[in-house]
N, C-alpha and C. Protein backbone atom coordinates (compact mmCIF):
# COMPACT_ATOMS: atom_id res chain seq x y z
N MET A 1 -31.96 20.88 35.52
CA MET A 1 -31.72 22.28 35.40
C MET A 1 -31.44 22.82 36.78
N ALA A 2 -30.38 23.57 36.85
CA ALA A 2 -30.00 24.09 38.15
C ALA A 2 -30.69 25.42 38.39
N GLY A 3 -30.96 25.68 39.57
CA GLY A 3 -31.59 26.94 39.92
C GLY A 3 -30.98 27.48 41.20
N GLN A 4 -31.11 28.75 41.40
CA GLN A 4 -30.55 29.36 42.59
C GLN A 4 -31.62 30.24 43.22
N LEU A 5 -31.71 30.13 44.47
CA LEU A 5 -32.69 30.95 45.18
C LEU A 5 -31.96 32.10 45.85
N GLN A 6 -32.48 33.29 45.70
CA GLN A 6 -31.89 34.45 46.35
C GLN A 6 -32.99 35.43 46.73
N THR A 7 -32.67 36.26 47.62
CA THR A 7 -33.65 37.26 48.03
C THR A 7 -33.61 38.42 47.07
N ALA A 8 -34.77 38.81 46.61
CA ALA A 8 -34.84 39.87 45.62
C ALA A 8 -35.31 41.19 46.23
N SER A 9 -36.06 41.09 47.26
CA SER A 9 -36.58 42.34 47.82
C SER A 9 -36.61 42.24 49.34
N ALA A 10 -37.05 43.25 49.89
CA ALA A 10 -37.14 43.27 51.35
C ALA A 10 -38.32 42.46 51.84
N ASP A 11 -39.19 42.02 50.91
CA ASP A 11 -40.37 41.25 51.29
C ASP A 11 -40.03 39.79 51.55
N ASP A 12 -38.81 39.43 51.42
CA ASP A 12 -38.32 38.05 51.57
C ASP A 12 -38.95 37.10 50.57
N GLU A 13 -39.25 37.62 49.38
CA GLU A 13 -39.70 36.74 48.32
C GLU A 13 -38.48 36.09 47.69
N MET A 14 -38.63 34.87 47.37
CA MET A 14 -37.52 34.14 46.76
C MET A 14 -37.75 34.12 45.25
N GLN A 15 -36.68 34.46 44.51
CA GLN A 15 -36.75 34.42 43.07
C GLN A 15 -35.90 33.27 42.54
N GLN A 16 -36.37 32.69 41.46
CA GLN A 16 -35.64 31.57 40.87
C GLN A 16 -34.75 32.11 39.75
N LEU A 17 -33.49 31.71 39.78
CA LEU A 17 -32.55 32.11 38.74
C LEU A 17 -32.46 30.97 37.75
N SER A 18 -32.74 31.21 36.48
CA SER A 18 -32.80 30.13 35.51
C SER A 18 -31.60 30.18 34.55
N GLU A 19 -30.42 29.95 35.04
CA GLU A 19 -29.22 29.84 34.21
C GLU A 19 -28.79 28.37 34.19
N ILE A 20 -28.29 27.94 33.06
CA ILE A 20 -27.84 26.56 32.93
C ILE A 20 -26.44 26.43 33.51
N ASN A 21 -26.28 25.46 34.34
CA ASN A 21 -24.97 25.19 34.93
C ASN A 21 -24.21 24.26 33.98
N VAL A 22 -23.17 24.74 33.31
CA VAL A 22 -22.44 23.95 32.32
C VAL A 22 -21.23 23.24 32.91
N THR A 23 -20.95 23.39 34.15
CA THR A 23 -19.78 22.76 34.77
C THR A 23 -19.83 21.24 34.69
N PRO A 24 -20.94 20.58 34.99
CA PRO A 24 -20.96 19.11 34.84
C PRO A 24 -20.80 18.68 33.37
N PHE A 25 -21.36 19.44 32.46
CA PHE A 25 -21.22 19.13 31.03
C PHE A 25 -19.75 19.19 30.61
N ILE A 26 -19.04 20.22 31.06
CA ILE A 26 -17.62 20.36 30.73
C ILE A 26 -16.82 19.21 31.36
N ASP A 27 -17.16 18.81 32.55
CA ASP A 27 -16.47 17.70 33.20
C ASP A 27 -16.64 16.40 32.40
N VAL A 28 -17.84 16.15 31.94
CA VAL A 28 -18.10 14.94 31.15
C VAL A 28 -17.32 14.98 29.84
N ILE A 29 -17.31 16.13 29.17
CA ILE A 29 -16.58 16.27 27.91
C ILE A 29 -15.08 16.05 28.13
N LEU A 30 -14.52 16.57 29.20
CA LEU A 30 -13.09 16.38 29.47
C LEU A 30 -12.77 14.91 29.76
N VAL A 31 -13.64 14.23 30.47
CA VAL A 31 -13.42 12.80 30.74
C VAL A 31 -13.47 12.01 29.43
N LEU A 32 -14.44 12.31 28.56
CA LEU A 32 -14.51 11.63 27.26
C LEU A 32 -13.29 11.93 26.41
N LEU A 33 -12.80 13.15 26.45
CA LEU A 33 -11.61 13.51 25.69
C LEU A 33 -10.40 12.70 26.16
N ILE A 34 -10.25 12.56 27.45
CA ILE A 34 -9.13 11.77 27.99
C ILE A 34 -9.26 10.31 27.59
N ILE A 35 -10.47 9.76 27.64
CA ILE A 35 -10.68 8.36 27.24
C ILE A 35 -10.32 8.17 25.78
N PHE A 36 -10.74 9.07 24.90
CA PHE A 36 -10.42 8.94 23.48
C PHE A 36 -8.94 9.15 23.20
N MET A 37 -8.30 10.01 23.98
CA MET A 37 -6.86 10.23 23.79
C MET A 37 -6.07 8.98 24.16
N ILE A 38 -6.55 8.24 25.13
CA ILE A 38 -5.87 7.01 25.53
C ILE A 38 -6.22 5.86 24.59
N ALA A 39 -7.47 5.78 24.15
CA ALA A 39 -7.92 4.65 23.34
C ALA A 39 -7.52 4.76 21.87
N ALA A 40 -7.33 5.95 21.34
CA ALA A 40 -7.04 6.11 19.91
C ALA A 40 -5.73 5.45 19.50
N PRO A 41 -4.63 5.62 20.21
CA PRO A 41 -3.40 4.93 19.79
C PRO A 41 -3.50 3.41 19.89
N LEU A 42 -4.35 2.91 20.77
CA LEU A 42 -4.50 1.46 20.91
C LEU A 42 -5.31 0.86 19.77
N ALA A 43 -6.10 1.69 19.09
CA ALA A 43 -6.96 1.19 18.02
C ALA A 43 -6.20 0.97 16.72
N THR A 44 -5.06 1.62 16.55
CA THR A 44 -4.29 1.44 15.32
C THR A 44 -3.48 0.16 15.40
N VAL A 45 -3.41 -0.54 14.26
CA VAL A 45 -2.65 -1.78 14.21
C VAL A 45 -1.27 -1.44 13.68
N ASP A 46 -0.28 -1.73 14.47
CA ASP A 46 1.08 -1.44 14.07
C ASP A 46 1.94 -2.64 14.46
N VAL A 47 2.47 -3.28 13.45
CA VAL A 47 3.32 -4.44 13.69
C VAL A 47 4.77 -3.99 13.54
N ALA A 48 5.48 -4.01 14.61
CA ALA A 48 6.88 -3.60 14.58
C ALA A 48 7.73 -4.76 14.09
N VAL A 49 8.41 -4.53 12.99
CA VAL A 49 9.27 -5.56 12.41
C VAL A 49 10.62 -4.94 12.13
N ASP A 50 11.65 -5.57 12.62
CA ASP A 50 13.00 -5.11 12.34
C ASP A 50 13.54 -5.95 11.19
N LEU A 51 13.48 -5.39 9.99
CA LEU A 51 13.91 -6.13 8.81
C LEU A 51 15.42 -6.18 8.72
N PRO A 52 15.96 -7.32 8.30
CA PRO A 52 17.42 -7.40 8.17
C PRO A 52 17.90 -6.66 6.94
N ALA A 53 19.13 -6.19 7.01
CA ALA A 53 19.74 -5.53 5.87
C ALA A 53 20.33 -6.58 4.94
N SER A 54 20.33 -6.28 3.66
CA SER A 54 20.86 -7.22 2.69
C SER A 54 22.37 -7.05 2.59
N THR A 55 23.06 -8.14 2.76
CA THR A 55 24.52 -8.11 2.64
C THR A 55 24.97 -8.71 1.32
N MET A 56 24.00 -9.06 0.49
CA MET A 56 24.32 -9.68 -0.79
C MET A 56 24.90 -8.65 -1.76
N LYS A 57 25.93 -9.06 -2.45
CA LYS A 57 26.52 -8.19 -3.45
C LYS A 57 25.61 -8.14 -4.67
N ARG A 58 25.76 -7.09 -5.43
CA ARG A 58 24.96 -6.94 -6.64
C ARG A 58 25.29 -8.06 -7.61
N GLN A 59 24.25 -8.68 -8.13
CA GLN A 59 24.43 -9.80 -9.04
C GLN A 59 24.90 -9.31 -10.40
N PRO A 60 25.86 -10.01 -11.00
CA PRO A 60 26.30 -9.59 -12.33
C PRO A 60 25.19 -9.82 -13.36
N ARG A 61 25.16 -8.95 -14.33
CA ARG A 61 24.15 -9.04 -15.38
C ARG A 61 24.58 -10.12 -16.37
N PRO A 62 23.66 -10.95 -16.81
CA PRO A 62 24.02 -11.97 -17.79
C PRO A 62 24.50 -11.32 -19.09
N GLU A 63 25.25 -12.11 -19.86
CA GLU A 63 25.79 -11.57 -21.12
C GLU A 63 24.68 -11.11 -22.05
N LYS A 64 23.68 -11.95 -22.25
CA LYS A 64 22.55 -11.60 -23.11
C LYS A 64 21.26 -11.79 -22.31
N PRO A 65 20.88 -10.77 -21.54
CA PRO A 65 19.64 -10.92 -20.77
C PRO A 65 18.43 -10.90 -21.69
N ILE A 66 17.40 -11.63 -21.28
CA ILE A 66 16.16 -11.69 -22.06
C ILE A 66 15.13 -10.84 -21.32
N PHE A 67 14.79 -9.70 -21.93
CA PHE A 67 13.82 -8.78 -21.34
C PHE A 67 12.46 -9.00 -21.97
N VAL A 68 11.46 -9.22 -21.12
CA VAL A 68 10.07 -9.25 -21.55
C VAL A 68 9.46 -7.95 -21.05
N THR A 69 9.01 -7.10 -21.98
CA THR A 69 8.57 -5.76 -21.64
C THR A 69 7.07 -5.61 -21.88
N MET A 70 6.39 -5.02 -20.90
CA MET A 70 4.99 -4.66 -21.05
C MET A 70 4.91 -3.13 -21.04
N LYS A 71 4.48 -2.58 -22.16
CA LYS A 71 4.41 -1.12 -22.30
C LYS A 71 3.12 -0.59 -21.67
N ALA A 72 3.01 0.73 -21.65
CA ALA A 72 1.85 1.37 -21.01
C ALA A 72 0.55 1.00 -21.71
N ASP A 73 0.60 0.71 -23.01
CA ASP A 73 -0.61 0.32 -23.75
C ASP A 73 -0.85 -1.19 -23.69
N HIS A 74 -0.16 -1.90 -22.79
CA HIS A 74 -0.27 -3.33 -22.55
C HIS A 74 0.25 -4.18 -23.71
N SER A 75 1.00 -3.59 -24.63
CA SER A 75 1.62 -4.39 -25.69
C SER A 75 2.89 -5.02 -25.14
N LEU A 76 3.23 -6.18 -25.67
CA LEU A 76 4.37 -6.94 -25.18
C LEU A 76 5.51 -6.91 -26.18
N ALA A 77 6.72 -7.06 -25.68
CA ALA A 77 7.91 -7.17 -26.52
C ALA A 77 8.91 -8.05 -25.82
N VAL A 78 9.62 -8.86 -26.60
CA VAL A 78 10.74 -9.64 -26.09
C VAL A 78 11.97 -9.03 -26.71
N GLY A 79 12.85 -8.50 -25.87
CA GLY A 79 13.96 -7.72 -26.39
C GLY A 79 13.38 -6.45 -26.99
N GLU A 80 13.62 -6.25 -28.27
CA GLU A 80 13.03 -5.10 -28.97
C GLU A 80 11.98 -5.54 -29.98
N ASN A 81 11.67 -6.83 -30.02
CA ASN A 81 10.71 -7.38 -30.99
C ASN A 81 9.31 -7.43 -30.38
N PRO A 82 8.35 -6.71 -30.95
CA PRO A 82 6.98 -6.79 -30.43
C PRO A 82 6.35 -8.15 -30.75
N LEU A 83 5.48 -8.60 -29.88
CA LEU A 83 4.80 -9.87 -30.09
C LEU A 83 3.45 -9.84 -29.41
N SER A 84 2.61 -10.81 -29.78
CA SER A 84 1.28 -10.92 -29.17
C SER A 84 1.37 -11.85 -27.96
N ARG A 85 0.38 -11.76 -27.09
CA ARG A 85 0.36 -12.59 -25.89
C ARG A 85 0.25 -14.08 -26.24
N ASP A 86 -0.39 -14.41 -27.35
CA ASP A 86 -0.55 -15.81 -27.75
C ASP A 86 0.77 -16.43 -28.22
N SER A 87 1.65 -15.64 -28.78
CA SER A 87 2.89 -16.18 -29.34
C SER A 87 4.08 -16.02 -28.41
N ILE A 88 3.84 -15.70 -27.14
CA ILE A 88 4.95 -15.46 -26.22
C ILE A 88 5.75 -16.72 -25.94
N ALA A 89 5.08 -17.86 -25.77
CA ALA A 89 5.79 -19.10 -25.47
C ALA A 89 6.66 -19.53 -26.65
N ALA A 90 6.12 -19.47 -27.86
CA ALA A 90 6.90 -19.88 -29.04
C ALA A 90 8.07 -18.94 -29.27
N SER A 91 7.88 -17.66 -29.06
CA SER A 91 8.96 -16.69 -29.25
C SER A 91 10.07 -16.90 -28.23
N LEU A 92 9.70 -17.16 -26.99
CA LEU A 92 10.73 -17.39 -25.96
C LEU A 92 11.45 -18.71 -26.20
N ASP A 93 10.74 -19.75 -26.65
CA ASP A 93 11.39 -21.03 -26.96
C ASP A 93 12.40 -20.85 -28.09
N ARG A 94 12.04 -20.05 -29.07
CA ARG A 94 12.95 -19.80 -30.19
C ARG A 94 14.17 -19.01 -29.72
N LEU A 95 13.96 -18.04 -28.84
CA LEU A 95 15.04 -17.18 -28.38
C LEU A 95 15.98 -17.90 -27.41
N THR A 96 15.43 -18.78 -26.59
CA THR A 96 16.25 -19.48 -25.59
C THR A 96 16.66 -20.88 -26.02
N SER A 97 16.32 -21.28 -27.22
CA SER A 97 16.57 -22.64 -27.72
C SER A 97 15.91 -23.66 -26.80
N SER A 98 14.71 -23.35 -26.34
CA SER A 98 13.89 -24.20 -25.46
C SER A 98 14.57 -24.50 -24.13
N ASP A 99 15.51 -23.66 -23.73
CA ASP A 99 16.16 -23.80 -22.42
C ASP A 99 15.34 -23.00 -21.40
N ARG A 100 14.46 -23.70 -20.70
CA ARG A 100 13.54 -23.02 -19.79
C ARG A 100 14.15 -22.72 -18.44
N SER A 101 15.43 -23.03 -18.27
CA SER A 101 16.09 -22.70 -17.01
C SER A 101 16.72 -21.31 -17.06
N LYS A 102 16.63 -20.63 -18.20
CA LYS A 102 17.18 -19.28 -18.31
C LYS A 102 16.28 -18.30 -17.57
N ARG A 103 16.91 -17.27 -17.03
CA ARG A 103 16.17 -16.26 -16.29
C ARG A 103 15.61 -15.22 -17.24
N LEU A 104 14.34 -14.88 -17.03
CA LEU A 104 13.69 -13.84 -17.82
C LEU A 104 13.54 -12.59 -16.95
N PHE A 105 13.81 -11.44 -17.54
CA PHE A 105 13.69 -10.17 -16.83
C PHE A 105 12.44 -9.45 -17.32
N VAL A 106 11.48 -9.25 -16.43
CA VAL A 106 10.21 -8.63 -16.78
C VAL A 106 10.28 -7.15 -16.42
N ARG A 107 10.03 -6.32 -17.44
CA ARG A 107 9.95 -4.87 -17.24
C ARG A 107 8.52 -4.45 -17.58
N ALA A 108 7.96 -3.61 -16.73
CA ALA A 108 6.60 -3.11 -16.98
C ALA A 108 6.57 -1.62 -16.69
N ASP A 109 5.83 -0.91 -17.51
CA ASP A 109 5.64 0.52 -17.28
C ASP A 109 4.93 0.70 -15.94
N LYS A 110 5.27 1.78 -15.23
CA LYS A 110 4.69 1.95 -13.90
C LYS A 110 3.21 2.28 -13.93
N THR A 111 2.65 2.58 -15.10
CA THR A 111 1.21 2.84 -15.18
C THR A 111 0.40 1.57 -15.40
N VAL A 112 1.08 0.45 -15.66
CA VAL A 112 0.39 -0.83 -15.86
C VAL A 112 -0.06 -1.36 -14.51
N PRO A 113 -1.32 -1.74 -14.35
CA PRO A 113 -1.80 -2.27 -13.07
C PRO A 113 -1.08 -3.56 -12.68
N TYR A 114 -0.97 -3.75 -11.38
CA TYR A 114 -0.28 -4.91 -10.82
C TYR A 114 -0.89 -6.23 -11.31
N GLY A 115 -2.19 -6.27 -11.43
CA GLY A 115 -2.86 -7.50 -11.88
C GLY A 115 -2.46 -7.90 -13.28
N ASP A 116 -2.24 -6.91 -14.15
CA ASP A 116 -1.82 -7.23 -15.52
C ASP A 116 -0.40 -7.77 -15.56
N VAL A 117 0.47 -7.25 -14.69
CA VAL A 117 1.84 -7.78 -14.60
C VAL A 117 1.81 -9.22 -14.08
N MET A 118 0.94 -9.48 -13.11
CA MET A 118 0.82 -10.84 -12.58
C MET A 118 0.28 -11.80 -13.65
N THR A 119 -0.62 -11.33 -14.50
CA THR A 119 -1.13 -12.16 -15.60
C THR A 119 -0.01 -12.51 -16.55
N LEU A 120 0.85 -11.54 -16.87
CA LEU A 120 2.00 -11.80 -17.72
C LEU A 120 2.93 -12.83 -17.08
N MET A 121 3.18 -12.68 -15.79
CA MET A 121 4.05 -13.63 -15.10
C MET A 121 3.43 -15.02 -15.07
N ASN A 122 2.11 -15.12 -14.92
CA ASN A 122 1.45 -16.42 -14.96
C ASN A 122 1.55 -17.04 -16.36
N ASP A 123 1.47 -16.20 -17.40
CA ASP A 123 1.64 -16.71 -18.76
C ASP A 123 3.05 -17.26 -18.96
N LEU A 124 4.04 -16.57 -18.39
CA LEU A 124 5.42 -17.05 -18.50
C LEU A 124 5.60 -18.35 -17.73
N ARG A 125 5.00 -18.45 -16.57
CA ARG A 125 5.09 -19.68 -15.78
C ARG A 125 4.40 -20.84 -16.48
N SER A 126 3.26 -20.57 -17.09
CA SER A 126 2.56 -21.65 -17.79
C SER A 126 3.32 -22.06 -19.05
N ALA A 127 4.17 -21.19 -19.58
CA ALA A 127 5.01 -21.55 -20.72
C ALA A 127 6.22 -22.35 -20.27
N GLY A 128 6.44 -22.47 -18.96
CA GLY A 128 7.53 -23.29 -18.44
C GLY A 128 8.72 -22.49 -17.93
N TYR A 129 8.66 -21.19 -17.97
CA TYR A 129 9.76 -20.34 -17.50
C TYR A 129 9.49 -19.95 -16.06
N LEU A 130 10.24 -20.57 -15.15
CA LEU A 130 10.00 -20.37 -13.72
C LEU A 130 10.95 -19.36 -13.10
N LYS A 131 12.05 -19.05 -13.76
CA LYS A 131 13.01 -18.08 -13.22
C LYS A 131 12.67 -16.72 -13.83
N ILE A 132 11.95 -15.94 -13.06
CA ILE A 132 11.50 -14.62 -13.53
C ILE A 132 11.99 -13.57 -12.54
N ALA A 133 12.62 -12.54 -13.06
CA ALA A 133 13.08 -11.43 -12.24
C ALA A 133 12.37 -10.16 -12.67
N LEU A 134 12.03 -9.33 -11.71
CA LEU A 134 11.39 -8.05 -12.00
C LEU A 134 12.47 -6.96 -12.05
N VAL A 135 12.36 -6.11 -13.05
CA VAL A 135 13.34 -5.05 -13.24
C VAL A 135 12.75 -3.74 -12.77
N GLY A 136 13.50 -2.99 -12.02
CA GLY A 136 13.07 -1.68 -11.54
C GLY A 136 14.25 -0.74 -11.53
N LEU A 137 13.98 0.50 -11.25
CA LEU A 137 15.03 1.49 -11.14
C LEU A 137 15.62 1.46 -9.75
N GLU A 138 16.91 1.71 -9.65
CA GLU A 138 17.53 1.82 -8.33
C GLU A 138 17.30 3.23 -7.83
N SER A 139 16.90 3.32 -6.58
CA SER A 139 16.68 4.65 -6.02
C SER A 139 17.96 5.13 -5.37
N ALA A 140 18.21 6.41 -5.49
CA ALA A 140 19.41 6.99 -4.90
C ALA A 140 19.25 7.08 -3.40
N PRO A 141 20.28 6.72 -2.64
CA PRO A 141 20.16 6.77 -1.17
C PRO A 141 20.11 8.16 -0.63
């Protein structure tokens, strides 16, 4: 605590002034502020990646694409025919004449969790269909 001595009367008595000196406190706060201003940008992880642009032309759509659709209520359909998860392999074999090299287009409602879409894709892979494409909307530039 800082104090100041001054003469109060003609008797040369010294009086103590009891005011808090906040100047050192402000100096410490300003130094801490500068340290945090310098350290805060260094604490964030930012990986700069320059991604290449795609020069690939838009792929033509197959004559009869096979769409596997997962609706918002998690029900499945191949084309416009609803089916159960257990009969997906048999239905696809019937539709593709057991040609497992055909590409399947998976459409899922945007409210369906990512894990459920991955489960569907794993079911398709375990049925032997390895060429799977995800269908989405094109965004306007």
